[in-house]
Amino acid sequence: METIQNAIDGRKVTSSSRRMAPVYNPATGEQTAELPLSTAGEVESAVAAAKKAAESWGTTPSLKRIKPMFRFKELVERNADKIVRIISSEHGKTHADAAGELARGIDVVDFACGIPHLLKGEYSRNVGPEIDSWSDRQPLGVVAGITPFNFPAMVPMWMYPVAIACGNAFVLKPSERDPSTSMLIWELFQEAGFPPGVLNVVHGDKEAVDAILDHPDIKAVSFVGSTPVAEHVYRRGSAAGKRVQALGGAKNHMIVMPDADMDQAVDALMGAGFGSAGERCMAISVAVPVGEKTADRLVEALAPKIRMMKVGPATDPESEMGPVITAEAKQRIEGLIGQGVKEGAKLVVDGRGLELQGYERGFFLGGSLFDRVTKDMSIYQQEIFGPVLCVARSGSYQEAADLVNSNEHGNGAAIFTRDGDTARAFADRIEIGMVGINVAIPVPVAYHSFGGWKRSLFGDHSMYGPEGMRFYTRLKTVTARWPTGIRGGAEFHFPSLK
């Protein structure tokens, strides 16, 4: 059985830890590898390698820094099929879904290749008598990323390409559930010609995470995961003097207005609710139809499509949805479905008890659909993170908008309507970080930035795009006057540059 290694200072290193975590194929339930849970000392080694690399990498001309980034992008594209197969084998998502994930990660590498334009700063001549002023964005040094299982390629690529293009060195702690994708991409990163230590990978659990959060040489930490852990990362990292962007959980709503194209709305909900088995922070988990007739039409159209959805392993090209990540995740989701029934929601489609011939040990669930869900129910209040769609009926647009705004999360939300006034009001007044109008999953493109509001984001910066560049650099402003322009005499007042 394979033992997953760390990657420190340009080479693979076998961890000395005796604590092990199993890595499974979710479709078969079989263990495929073991993962040593790294010690704080191994995090220290990775940080030391990154610190050494950052000294020269941060002063390397930006155009020279991005040359290997172009090669890295080419290598990832050339090896895309291999990466997609590894994602599917350890996460369980379909090949098409994995390919889409990788493509969105490559988009951010594309953005990172153009980052010298954003780093150039500003210059002002004669801000005072023969005094010039200019600004510069400089790298922080060593930065780190802690990433989730649901996007083992994309989310890390939201972080380190931007950070490294800005002149930092990076320590990545990927999810222990699907670590092989990060290792394959790290190999391509080395092949692209980056110096040793610029990108390091350390596997582990809370011990490694806390070592990253406490380390004085790590200047910034990026995180994506659940809200409780995001809050822990933000509080502990900030207390240690770090810059932190911690993206948490979500409860994303999609309002369906009476004038919406119902076929379009139903198709959007199928993909947004059940794609990747609902294991997405941007998944739509709550549909909010406005009016009883709209709700009846929506549920009537959704139910047969969910029952007919092809659930299976990624090796089956006809599969539309794969398994969830672990047996524990499956049990938790089944428990929440049972709790929803107990609390009075109407279970229209029950995805529990699904068995696939030849994959009886896999972590499969069918899609589930609840109707008449209310905000006091567990299935509404908790992030299910599975293939469960809840319908919460609303009597008016304002009631639907109030439901969205009252939720503690503010990651994503969508509205389906033909009415421009309603769409504009939704975009302007909804308290959500990423908004879709007739777009169910409004993930911003790479040259914008990704981030929610409220308890979906801890910290002041969103991820990738211009916000990512600002997060991984710090502003320095220089004001200069040369001796020929200096008049005699001391000035004891606050300088006004006049």
Protein backbone atom coordinates (compact mmCIF):
# COMPACT_ATOMS: atom_id res chain seq x y z
CA MET A 1 0.00 0.00 0.00
CA GLU A 2 1.30 3.44 -0.92
CA THR A 3 2.46 5.80 1.82
CA ILE A 4 1.89 9.44 0.91
CA GLN A 5 4.98 11.61 1.37
CA ASN A 6 5.55 15.26 2.18
CA ALA A 7 7.35 17.59 -0.23
CA ILE A 8 9.94 19.83 1.41
CA ASP A 9 12.71 21.88 -0.16
CA GLY A 10 12.25 20.42 -3.62
CA ARG A 11 12.18 16.73 -2.69
CA LYS A 12 9.80 14.14 -1.33
CA VAL A 13 10.26 13.22 2.32
CA THR A 14 8.67 10.36 4.24
CA SER A 15 7.16 11.59 7.48
CA SER A 16 8.48 10.19 10.75
CA SER A 17 5.03 10.37 12.32
CA ARG A 18 3.51 7.17 13.65
CA ARG A 19 -0.01 8.57 13.42
CA MET A 20 -1.64 7.40 10.20
CA ALA A 21 -4.84 8.27 8.34
CA PRO A 22 -6.38 6.00 5.69
CA VAL A 23 -7.08 7.25 2.17
CA TYR A 24 -10.09 5.61 0.49
CA ASN A 25 -11.62 5.21 -2.92
CA PRO A 26 -15.15 6.42 -2.06
CA ALA A 27 -16.72 4.44 -4.90
CA THR A 28 -15.46 1.08 -3.63
CA GLY A 29 -14.88 1.83 0.06
CA GLU A 30 -11.40 0.32 -0.24
CA GLN A 31 -8.33 1.86 1.35
CA THR A 32 -5.85 2.86 -1.34
CA ALA A 33 -3.10 4.56 0.65
CA GLU A 34 -1.99 5.59 4.10
CA LEU A 35 -1.11 9.12 5.09
CA PRO A 36 1.28 9.97 7.94
CA LEU A 37 -0.06 12.90 9.95
CA SER A 38 2.94 15.16 10.08
CA THR A 39 4.45 16.51 13.27
CA ALA A 40 5.03 20.13 14.24
CA GLY A 41 8.72 19.50 13.60
CA GLU A 42 8.00 18.60 9.98
CA VAL A 43 6.00 21.80 9.58
CA GLU A 44 9.06 23.59 10.97
CA SER A 45 11.24 21.97 8.29
CA ALA A 46 8.86 23.08 5.54
CA VAL A 47 8.76 26.64 6.88
CA ALA A 48 12.56 26.77 7.12
CA ALA A 49 12.86 25.66 3.48
CA ALA A 50 10.27 28.24 2.43
CA LYS A 51 11.99 31.01 4.40
CA LYS A 52 15.31 30.26 2.74
CA ALA A 53 13.71 30.21 -0.72
CA ALA A 54 11.75 33.41 -0.10
CA GLU A 55 14.94 35.43 0.48
CA SER A 56 15.98 35.23 -3.16
CA TRP A 57 12.60 34.51 -4.75
CA GLY A 58 11.08 37.72 -3.37
CA THR A 59 13.78 39.85 -5.04
CA THR A 60 13.65 37.97 -8.36
CA PRO A 61 12.26 40.25 -11.10
CA SER A 62 8.56 39.60 -11.53
CA LEU A 63 8.85 38.83 -15.23
CA LYS A 64 11.45 36.18 -14.41
CA ARG A 65 9.21 34.74 -11.67
CA ILE A 66 6.34 34.11 -14.06
CA LYS A 67 8.36 32.29 -16.72
CA PRO A 68 8.15 28.96 -14.84
CA MET A 69 4.49 29.76 -14.08
CA PHE A 70 3.77 29.66 -17.82
CA ARG A 71 5.56 26.29 -18.03
CA PHE A 72 3.63 25.04 -15.00
CA LYS A 73 0.33 25.92 -16.67
CA GLU A 74 1.38 24.04 -19.81
CA LEU A 75 2.40 20.97 -17.80
CA VAL A 76 -0.88 20.90 -15.87
CA GLU A 77 -2.85 21.12 -19.10
CA ARG A 78 -0.74 18.37 -20.68
CA ASN A 79 -1.32 16.09 -17.69
CA ALA A 80 -4.97 17.02 -17.14
CA ASP A 81 -6.36 13.52 -17.79
CA LYS A 82 -4.04 11.98 -15.20
CA ILE A 83 -4.91 14.63 -12.61
CA VAL A 84 -8.64 14.20 -13.26
CA ARG A 85 -8.41 10.44 -12.73
CA ILE A 86 -6.67 10.94 -9.38
CA ILE A 87 -9.27 13.49 -8.26
CA SER A 88 -12.08 11.08 -9.14
CA SER A 89 -10.44 8.08 -7.50
CA GLU A 90 -9.88 9.80 -4.12
CA HIS A 91 -12.80 12.24 -4.04
CA GLY A 92 -15.40 10.30 -6.01
CA LYS A 93 -16.69 13.09 -8.27
CA THR A 94 -17.33 12.31 -11.91
CA HIS A 95 -14.61 12.84 -14.50
CA ALA A 96 -16.52 15.73 -16.07
CA ASP A 97 -16.84 17.42 -12.70
CA ALA A 98 -13.16 16.86 -11.91
CA ALA A 99 -12.18 18.25 -15.30
CA GLY A 100 -14.27 21.35 -14.63
CA GLU A 101 -12.59 21.80 -11.25
CA LEU A 102 -9.13 21.57 -12.76
CA ALA A 103 -10.04 24.03 -15.54
CA ARG A 104 -11.09 26.65 -12.97
CA GLY A 105 -7.81 26.13 -11.13
CA ILE A 106 -5.84 26.62 -14.35
CA ASP A 107 -7.71 29.89 -14.88
CA VAL A 108 -6.12 31.24 -11.70
CA VAL A 109 -2.67 30.12 -12.88
CA ASP A 110 -3.44 32.09 -16.04
CA PHE A 111 -4.22 35.13 -13.90
CA ALA A 112 -1.01 34.65 -11.90
CA CYS A 113 1.00 34.70 -15.14
CA GLY A 114 -0.15 38.29 -15.67
CA ILE A 115 0.44 39.53 -12.15
CA PRO A 116 3.44 41.81 -12.86
CA HIS A 117 0.94 44.34 -14.19
CA LEU A 118 -0.78 44.49 -10.78
CA LEU A 119 2.49 44.70 -8.82
CA LYS A 120 3.85 47.77 -10.59
CA GLY A 121 2.54 50.35 -8.09
CA GLU A 122 1.88 54.05 -8.69
CA TYR A 123 4.08 57.12 -9.08
CA SER A 124 3.34 60.78 -8.40
CA ARG A 125 5.79 63.54 -9.34
CA ASN A 126 6.05 66.80 -7.43
CA VAL A 127 3.67 66.01 -4.59
CA GLY A 128 5.58 68.84 -2.86
CA PRO A 129 8.44 71.16 -3.82
CA GLU A 130 10.69 68.79 -5.82
CA ILE A 131 9.28 65.86 -3.83
CA ASP A 132 8.17 62.64 -5.53
CA SER A 133 6.14 59.77 -4.11
CA TRP A 134 5.61 56.23 -5.27
CA SER A 135 4.03 53.05 -4.00
CA ASP A 136 5.17 49.45 -4.27
CA ARG A 137 3.61 46.10 -3.40
CA GLN A 138 6.13 43.77 -1.79
CA PRO A 139 5.84 40.06 -0.89
CA LEU A 140 5.22 38.99 2.69
CA GLY A 141 7.79 36.17 2.74
CA VAL A 142 6.44 32.78 3.84
CA VAL A 143 2.68 32.18 3.51
CA ALA A 144 0.57 29.05 3.95
CA GLY A 145 -2.64 27.46 2.74
CA ILE A 146 -4.96 24.94 4.40
CA THR A 147 -7.36 23.41 1.89
CA PRO A 148 -10.48 21.17 1.91
CA PHE A 149 -11.24 17.77 0.39
CA ASN A 150 -13.96 18.86 -2.01
CA PHE A 151 -11.65 20.60 -4.51
CA PRO A 152 -8.22 18.99 -4.15
CA ALA A 153 -6.86 20.69 -7.30
CA MET A 154 -8.80 23.93 -7.64
CA VAL A 155 -8.71 25.42 -4.15
CA PRO A 156 -4.92 25.02 -3.66
CA MET A 157 -4.51 26.57 -7.12
CA TRP A 158 -6.61 29.51 -5.93
CA MET A 159 -3.82 30.19 -3.44
CA TYR A 160 -0.23 29.30 -4.25
CA PRO A 161 0.05 30.46 -7.90
CA VAL A 162 -0.96 34.00 -6.89
CA ALA A 163 1.14 33.96 -3.72
CA ILE A 164 4.24 32.66 -5.51
CA ALA A 165 3.85 34.98 -8.50
CA CYS A 166 3.80 37.84 -5.96
CA GLY A 167 7.21 36.69 -4.67
CA ASN A 168 6.29 34.60 -1.63
CA ALA A 169 7.21 31.01 -0.77
CA PHE A 170 4.33 28.71 0.14
CA VAL A 171 3.56 25.88 2.58
CA LEU A 172 0.46 23.87 1.60
CA LYS A 173 -1.47 21.63 4.01
CA PRO A 174 -4.01 19.81 1.82
CA SER A 175 -6.90 17.67 3.04
CA GLU A 176 -5.86 14.33 4.43
CA ARG A 177 -8.81 12.68 2.64
CA ASP A 178 -7.55 13.15 -0.93
CA PRO A 179 -3.86 14.12 -0.81
CA SER A 180 -2.53 12.55 -4.02
CA THR A 181 -3.70 15.34 -6.33
CA SER A 182 -1.55 17.88 -4.50
CA MET A 183 1.48 15.64 -4.77
CA LEU A 184 1.12 15.07 -8.51
CA ILE A 185 0.68 18.79 -9.16
CA TRP A 186 3.70 19.53 -6.91
CA GLU A 187 5.78 17.25 -9.16
CA LEU A 188 4.69 19.27 -12.19
CA PHE A 189 5.53 22.45 -10.31
CA GLN A 190 9.09 21.22 -9.77
CA GLU A 191 9.36 20.15 -13.38
CA ALA A 192 8.38 23.68 -14.43
CA GLY A 193 11.64 24.95 -12.93
CA PHE A 194 10.71 26.71 -9.71
CA PRO A 195 13.50 26.85 -7.11
CA PRO A 196 13.42 24.28 -4.28
CA GLY A 197 11.42 25.42 -1.28
CA VAL A 198 9.17 27.85 -3.15
CA LEU A 199 6.28 25.35 -2.81
CA ASN A 200 6.23 22.81 0.03
CA VAL A 201 3.50 20.28 0.88
CA VAL A 202 2.98 18.98 4.42
CA HIS A 203 0.15 16.55 5.17
CA GLY A 204 -1.54 16.31 8.53
CA ASP A 205 -4.42 17.13 10.81
CA LYS A 206 -5.02 19.64 13.61
CA GLU A 207 -1.46 19.30 14.91
CA ALA A 208 -0.06 20.47 11.59
CA VAL A 209 -2.72 23.17 11.24
CA ASP A 210 -1.99 24.64 14.66
CA ALA A 211 1.76 24.50 13.99
CA ILE A 212 1.14 26.59 10.86
CA LEU A 213 -1.08 29.05 12.73
CA ASP A 214 1.46 29.51 15.53
CA HIS A 215 4.67 29.69 13.50
CA PRO A 216 6.21 33.18 13.70
CA ASP A 217 7.81 32.97 10.23
CA ILE A 218 4.48 32.40 8.45
CA LYS A 219 3.09 35.84 7.70
CA ALA A 220 -0.29 34.93 6.18
CA VAL A 221 -2.65 31.96 6.08
CA SER A 222 -5.39 31.12 3.59
CA PHE A 223 -8.08 28.62 4.55
CA VAL A 224 -11.18 27.05 3.03
CA GLY A 225 -13.42 24.72 5.06
CA SER A 226 -16.27 24.64 7.54
CA THR A 227 -17.32 27.72 9.51
CA PRO A 228 -16.25 26.44 12.97
CA VAL A 229 -12.76 25.59 11.71
CA ALA A 230 -12.56 28.83 9.70
CA GLU A 231 -13.28 30.78 12.87
CA HIS A 232 -10.62 28.81 14.77
CA VAL A 233 -8.07 29.46 12.02
CA TYR A 234 -8.92 33.16 11.94
CA ARG A 235 -8.81 33.68 15.69
CA ARG A 236 -5.65 31.68 16.33
CA GLY A 237 -3.81 32.98 13.28
CA SER A 238 -4.76 36.58 13.98
CA ALA A 239 -3.72 36.23 17.62
CA ALA A 240 -0.30 35.15 16.35
CA GLY A 241 -0.06 38.35 14.30
CA LYS A 242 -0.81 36.83 10.91
CA ARG A 243 -2.87 38.08 8.04
CA VAL A 244 -5.73 35.54 7.63
CA GLN A 245 -8.37 34.87 4.99
CA ALA A 246 -10.58 32.04 6.22
CA LEU A 247 -13.48 30.99 4.02
CA GLY A 248 -16.15 29.08 5.93
CA GLY A 249 -19.39 27.24 5.26
CA ALA A 250 -22.52 28.20 3.41
CA LYS A 251 -26.25 27.83 3.12
CA ASN A 252 -26.91 28.98 -0.41
CA HIS A 253 -30.44 29.86 -1.50
CA MET A 254 -32.00 30.12 -4.95
CA ILE A 255 -35.17 32.20 -5.21
CA VAL A 256 -37.51 31.08 -7.99
CA MET A 257 -39.94 33.81 -9.01
CA PRO A 258 -43.35 33.04 -10.60
CA ASP A 259 -42.13 34.44 -13.93
CA ALA A 260 -38.98 32.31 -14.04
CA ASP A 261 -38.29 29.91 -16.88
CA MET A 262 -39.19 26.78 -14.91
CA ASP A 263 -37.27 24.36 -17.13
CA GLN A 264 -34.17 26.48 -16.80
CA ALA A 265 -34.60 26.79 -13.03
CA VAL A 266 -35.07 23.04 -12.56
CA ASP A 267 -32.02 22.17 -14.65
CA ALA A 268 -29.98 24.72 -12.71
CA LEU A 269 -31.10 23.26 -9.37
CA MET A 270 -30.21 19.74 -10.48
CA GLY A 271 -26.65 20.74 -11.26
CA ALA A 272 -26.22 23.17 -8.37
CA GLY A 273 -27.81 20.90 -5.78
CA PHE A 274 -26.46 17.50 -6.78
CA GLY A 275 -23.27 18.15 -8.72
CA SER A 276 -20.28 16.73 -6.81
CA ALA A 277 -22.85 15.06 -4.50
CA GLY A 278 -23.61 18.47 -3.01
CA GLU A 279 -20.11 18.69 -1.52
CA ARG A 280 -19.52 22.26 -2.64
CA CYS A 281 -19.48 25.47 -0.62
CA MET A 282 -21.36 27.05 -3.53
CA ALA A 283 -23.96 24.28 -3.86
CA ILE A 284 -27.58 25.39 -3.77
CA SER A 285 -29.11 23.59 -0.80
CA VAL A 286 -32.29 25.65 -0.42
CA ALA A 287 -34.74 26.48 -3.22
CA VAL A 288 -37.15 29.29 -2.33
CA PRO A 289 -40.11 29.35 -4.73
CA VAL A 290 -42.34 32.41 -4.42
CA GLY A 291 -46.02 31.48 -4.31
CA GLU A 292 -47.74 28.13 -3.84
CA LYS A 293 -48.29 27.58 -7.56
CA THR A 294 -44.60 28.20 -8.28
CA ALA A 295 -43.63 25.81 -5.49
CA ASP A 296 -45.98 23.08 -6.70
CA ARG A 297 -44.64 23.36 -10.25
CA LEU A 298 -41.04 23.31 -9.03
CA VAL A 299 -41.41 20.24 -6.81
CA GLU A 300 -43.43 18.41 -9.44
CA ALA A 301 -40.69 18.99 -12.03
CA LEU A 302 -37.76 18.25 -9.71
CA ALA A 303 -38.92 14.97 -8.18
CA PRO A 304 -38.80 12.74 -11.31
CA LYS A 305 -35.47 14.21 -12.42
CA ILE A 306 -33.91 13.43 -9.02
CA ARG A 307 -35.27 9.88 -9.07
CA MET A 308 -33.89 9.35 -12.58
CA MET A 309 -30.45 10.86 -11.85
CA LYS A 310 -27.68 8.39 -12.70
CA VAL A 311 -25.59 7.76 -9.57
CA GLY A 312 -22.43 5.74 -10.03
CA PRO A 313 -18.63 5.62 -10.01
CA ALA A 314 -16.53 8.03 -12.03
CA THR A 315 -15.36 5.12 -14.18
CA ASP A 316 -18.88 4.98 -15.65
CA PRO A 317 -19.05 7.81 -18.22
CA GLU A 318 -22.84 7.98 -17.80
CA SER A 319 -22.62 8.79 -14.07
CA GLU A 320 -24.07 12.17 -13.17
CA MET A 321 -23.27 12.01 -9.46
CA GLY A 322 -20.68 10.02 -7.53
CA PRO A 323 -20.36 9.00 -3.88
CA VAL A 324 -19.77 11.24 -0.88
CA ILE A 325 -16.27 11.39 0.53
CA THR A 326 -16.40 8.99 3.52
CA ALA A 327 -18.60 6.48 5.29
CA GLU A 328 -18.88 8.95 8.18
CA ALA A 329 -20.13 11.67 5.83
CA LYS A 330 -22.75 9.27 4.46
CA GLN A 331 -23.95 8.40 7.97
CA ARG A 332 -24.12 12.08 8.98
CA ILE A 333 -26.17 13.00 5.89
CA GLU A 334 -28.54 10.06 6.42
CA GLY A 335 -28.97 11.16 10.02
CA LEU A 336 -29.91 14.69 8.96
CA ILE A 337 -32.45 13.31 6.47
CA GLY A 338 -34.03 11.30 9.28
CA GLN A 339 -34.04 14.38 11.51
CA GLY A 340 -35.78 16.39 8.78
CA VAL A 341 -38.57 13.81 8.63
CA LYS A 342 -38.95 13.89 12.42
CA GLU A 343 -39.18 17.68 12.43
CA GLY A 344 -42.05 17.68 9.94
CA ALA A 345 -40.50 18.36 6.53
CA LYS A 346 -42.04 16.42 3.64
CA LEU A 347 -39.53 13.96 2.17
CA VAL A 348 -40.53 13.84 -1.49
CA VAL A 349 -37.52 11.83 -2.70
CA ASP A 350 -35.49 9.68 -0.29
CA GLY A 351 -31.90 9.03 -1.38
CA ARG A 352 -31.06 6.72 1.49
CA GLY A 353 -30.55 3.01 0.99
CA LEU A 354 -29.06 3.23 -2.49
CA GLU A 355 -27.07 0.13 -3.44
CA LEU A 356 -25.06 -0.32 -6.62
CA GLN A 357 -24.13 -3.79 -7.81
CA GLY A 358 -20.40 -4.26 -7.48
CA TYR A 359 -20.07 -1.12 -5.33
CA GLU A 360 -21.93 -2.23 -2.20
CA ARG A 361 -19.12 -0.91 0.04
CA GLY A 362 -19.03 2.48 -1.67
CA PHE A 363 -20.23 5.66 0.01
CA PHE A 364 -23.18 6.25 -2.29
CA LEU A 365 -26.39 8.15 -1.63
CA GLY A 366 -29.15 9.03 -4.04
CA GLY A 367 -30.49 12.55 -4.29
CA SER A 368 -33.03 13.61 -1.66
CA LEU A 369 -35.71 16.29 -1.94
CA PHE A 370 -37.54 17.91 0.98
CA ASP A 371 -40.57 20.16 0.64
CA ARG A 372 -42.13 22.56 3.17
CA VAL A 373 -38.89 23.13 5.03
CA THR A 374 -38.90 25.92 7.62
CA LYS A 375 -36.02 27.91 9.04
CA ASP A 376 -36.29 26.30 12.50
CA MET A 377 -35.51 22.80 11.13
CA SER A 378 -32.09 21.15 11.44
CA ILE A 379 -31.90 20.49 7.70
CA TYR A 380 -32.23 24.23 7.11
CA GLN A 381 -29.96 25.43 9.88
CA GLN A 382 -27.07 23.03 9.25
CA GLU A 383 -24.81 22.84 6.21
CA ILE A 384 -25.67 19.31 5.05
CA PHE A 385 -22.84 19.16 2.48
CA GLY A 386 -24.49 16.29 0.65
CA PRO A 387 -27.04 15.54 -2.08
CA VAL A 388 -30.06 16.98 -0.26
CA LEU A 389 -32.16 19.82 -1.66
CA CYS A 390 -34.64 21.64 0.57
CA VAL A 391 -37.64 23.61 -0.70
CA ALA A 392 -38.65 26.45 1.62
CA ARG A 393 -41.86 28.00 0.27
CA SER A 394 -42.31 31.77 0.41
CA GLY A 395 -45.37 33.97 0.00
CA SER A 396 -43.61 36.95 -1.59
CA TYR A 397 -40.29 38.13 -2.96
CA GLN A 398 -39.66 40.20 0.17
CA GLU A 399 -40.30 37.20 2.41
CA ALA A 400 -37.87 35.15 0.32
CA ALA A 401 -35.20 37.88 0.43
CA ASP A 402 -35.64 38.24 4.20
CA LEU A 403 -35.08 34.49 4.57
CA VAL A 404 -31.80 34.73 2.68
CA ASN A 405 -30.63 37.78 4.59
CA SER A 406 -31.49 36.32 8.00
CA ASN A 407 -29.20 33.32 7.50
CA GLU A 408 -25.85 33.48 9.31
CA HIS A 409 -23.99 32.55 6.14
CA GLY A 410 -23.51 34.85 3.18
CA ASN A 411 -21.54 32.89 0.60
CA GLY A 412 -23.71 32.65 -2.52
CA ALA A 413 -27.31 33.19 -3.60
CA ALA A 414 -29.22 33.20 -6.87
CA ILE A 415 -32.51 34.38 -8.27
CA PHE A 416 -34.30 33.10 -11.36
CA THR A 417 -36.62 35.67 -12.90
CA ARG A 418 -37.40 37.46 -16.14
CA ASP A 419 -38.08 40.75 -14.34
CA GLY A 420 -35.23 43.28 -14.43
CA ASP A 421 -36.50 45.33 -11.48
CA THR A 422 -36.63 42.30 -9.22
CA ALA A 423 -33.20 41.12 -10.36
CA ARG A 424 -31.67 44.54 -9.77
CA ALA A 425 -33.20 44.83 -6.30
CA PHE A 426 -31.88 41.36 -5.47
CA ALA A 427 -28.36 42.16 -6.65
CA ASP A 428 -28.28 45.48 -4.78
CA ARG A 429 -29.86 44.55 -1.46
CA ILE A 430 -29.20 40.89 -0.81
CA GLU A 431 -26.56 40.46 1.93
CA ILE A 432 -24.46 37.91 0.09
CA GLY A 433 -20.93 38.02 -1.28
CA MET A 434 -21.53 36.26 -4.61
CA VAL A 435 -24.83 36.73 -6.42
CA GLY A 436 -26.26 34.96 -9.47
CA ILE A 437 -29.08 36.23 -11.69
CA ASN A 438 -30.33 33.22 -13.66
CA VAL A 439 -26.95 31.69 -12.77
CA ALA A 440 -27.15 29.11 -9.99
CA ILE A 441 -23.46 28.86 -9.07
CA PRO A 442 -22.00 32.37 -9.41
CA VAL A 443 -18.33 31.53 -8.82
CA PRO A 444 -16.36 34.57 -10.07
CA VAL A 445 -13.89 34.18 -12.92
CA ALA A 446 -10.18 34.25 -12.09
CA TYR A 447 -9.70 37.99 -12.66
CA HIS A 448 -12.41 38.84 -10.15
CA SER A 449 -12.30 37.51 -6.56
CA PHE A 450 -14.12 34.80 -4.58
CA GLY A 451 -15.51 35.44 -1.12
CA GLY A 452 -18.69 35.50 0.92
CA TRP A 453 -20.07 37.72 3.65
CA LYS A 454 -21.05 37.19 7.28
CA ARG A 455 -19.89 33.84 8.71
CA SER A 456 -18.81 32.58 5.32
CA LEU A 457 -15.62 34.67 5.37
CA PHE A 458 -13.38 35.64 8.27
CA GLY A 459 -10.89 38.35 7.35
CA ASP A 460 -10.85 41.34 5.06
CA HIS A 461 -9.73 39.79 1.77
CA SER A 462 -11.47 37.52 -0.71
CA MET A 463 -9.52 34.87 -2.61
CA TYR A 464 -7.63 34.99 -5.92
CA GLY A 465 -7.99 37.82 -8.44
CA PRO A 466 -7.01 41.36 -7.38
CA GLU A 467 -7.98 40.65 -3.76
CA GLY A 468 -5.61 37.67 -3.72
CA MET A 469 -2.74 39.85 -4.93
CA ARG A 470 -3.46 42.40 -2.20
CA PHE A 471 -3.63 39.68 0.46
CA TYR A 472 -0.24 38.21 -0.46
CA THR A 473 1.56 41.58 -0.65
CA ARG A 474 1.94 44.63 1.55
CA LEU A 475 1.93 48.23 0.43
CA LYS A 476 5.02 50.38 0.80
CA THR A 477 4.93 54.09 -0.07
CA VAL A 478 8.14 56.09 -0.57
CA THR A 479 8.40 59.89 -0.43
CA ALA A 480 11.72 61.28 -1.71
CA ARG A 481 13.45 64.64 -2.05
CA TRP A 482 17.06 65.01 -3.19
CA PRO A 483 19.51 67.46 -1.59
CA THR A 484 19.33 70.03 -4.41
CA GLY A 485 15.71 70.67 -3.52
CA ILE A 486 16.16 70.94 0.25
CA ARG A 487 15.91 74.39 1.84
CA GLY A 488 17.70 75.12 5.08
CA GLY A 489 16.14 75.20 8.51
CA ALA A 490 14.46 72.67 10.73
CA GLU A 491 10.71 72.05 10.44
CA PHE A 492 8.96 71.16 13.69
CA HIS A 493 5.39 71.04 12.42
CA PHE A 494 3.81 67.97 10.85
CA PRO A 495 5.05 67.88 7.23
CA SER A 496 2.50 69.16 4.74
CA LEU A 497 4.71 68.89 1.63
CA LYS A 498 3.95 72.54 0.80
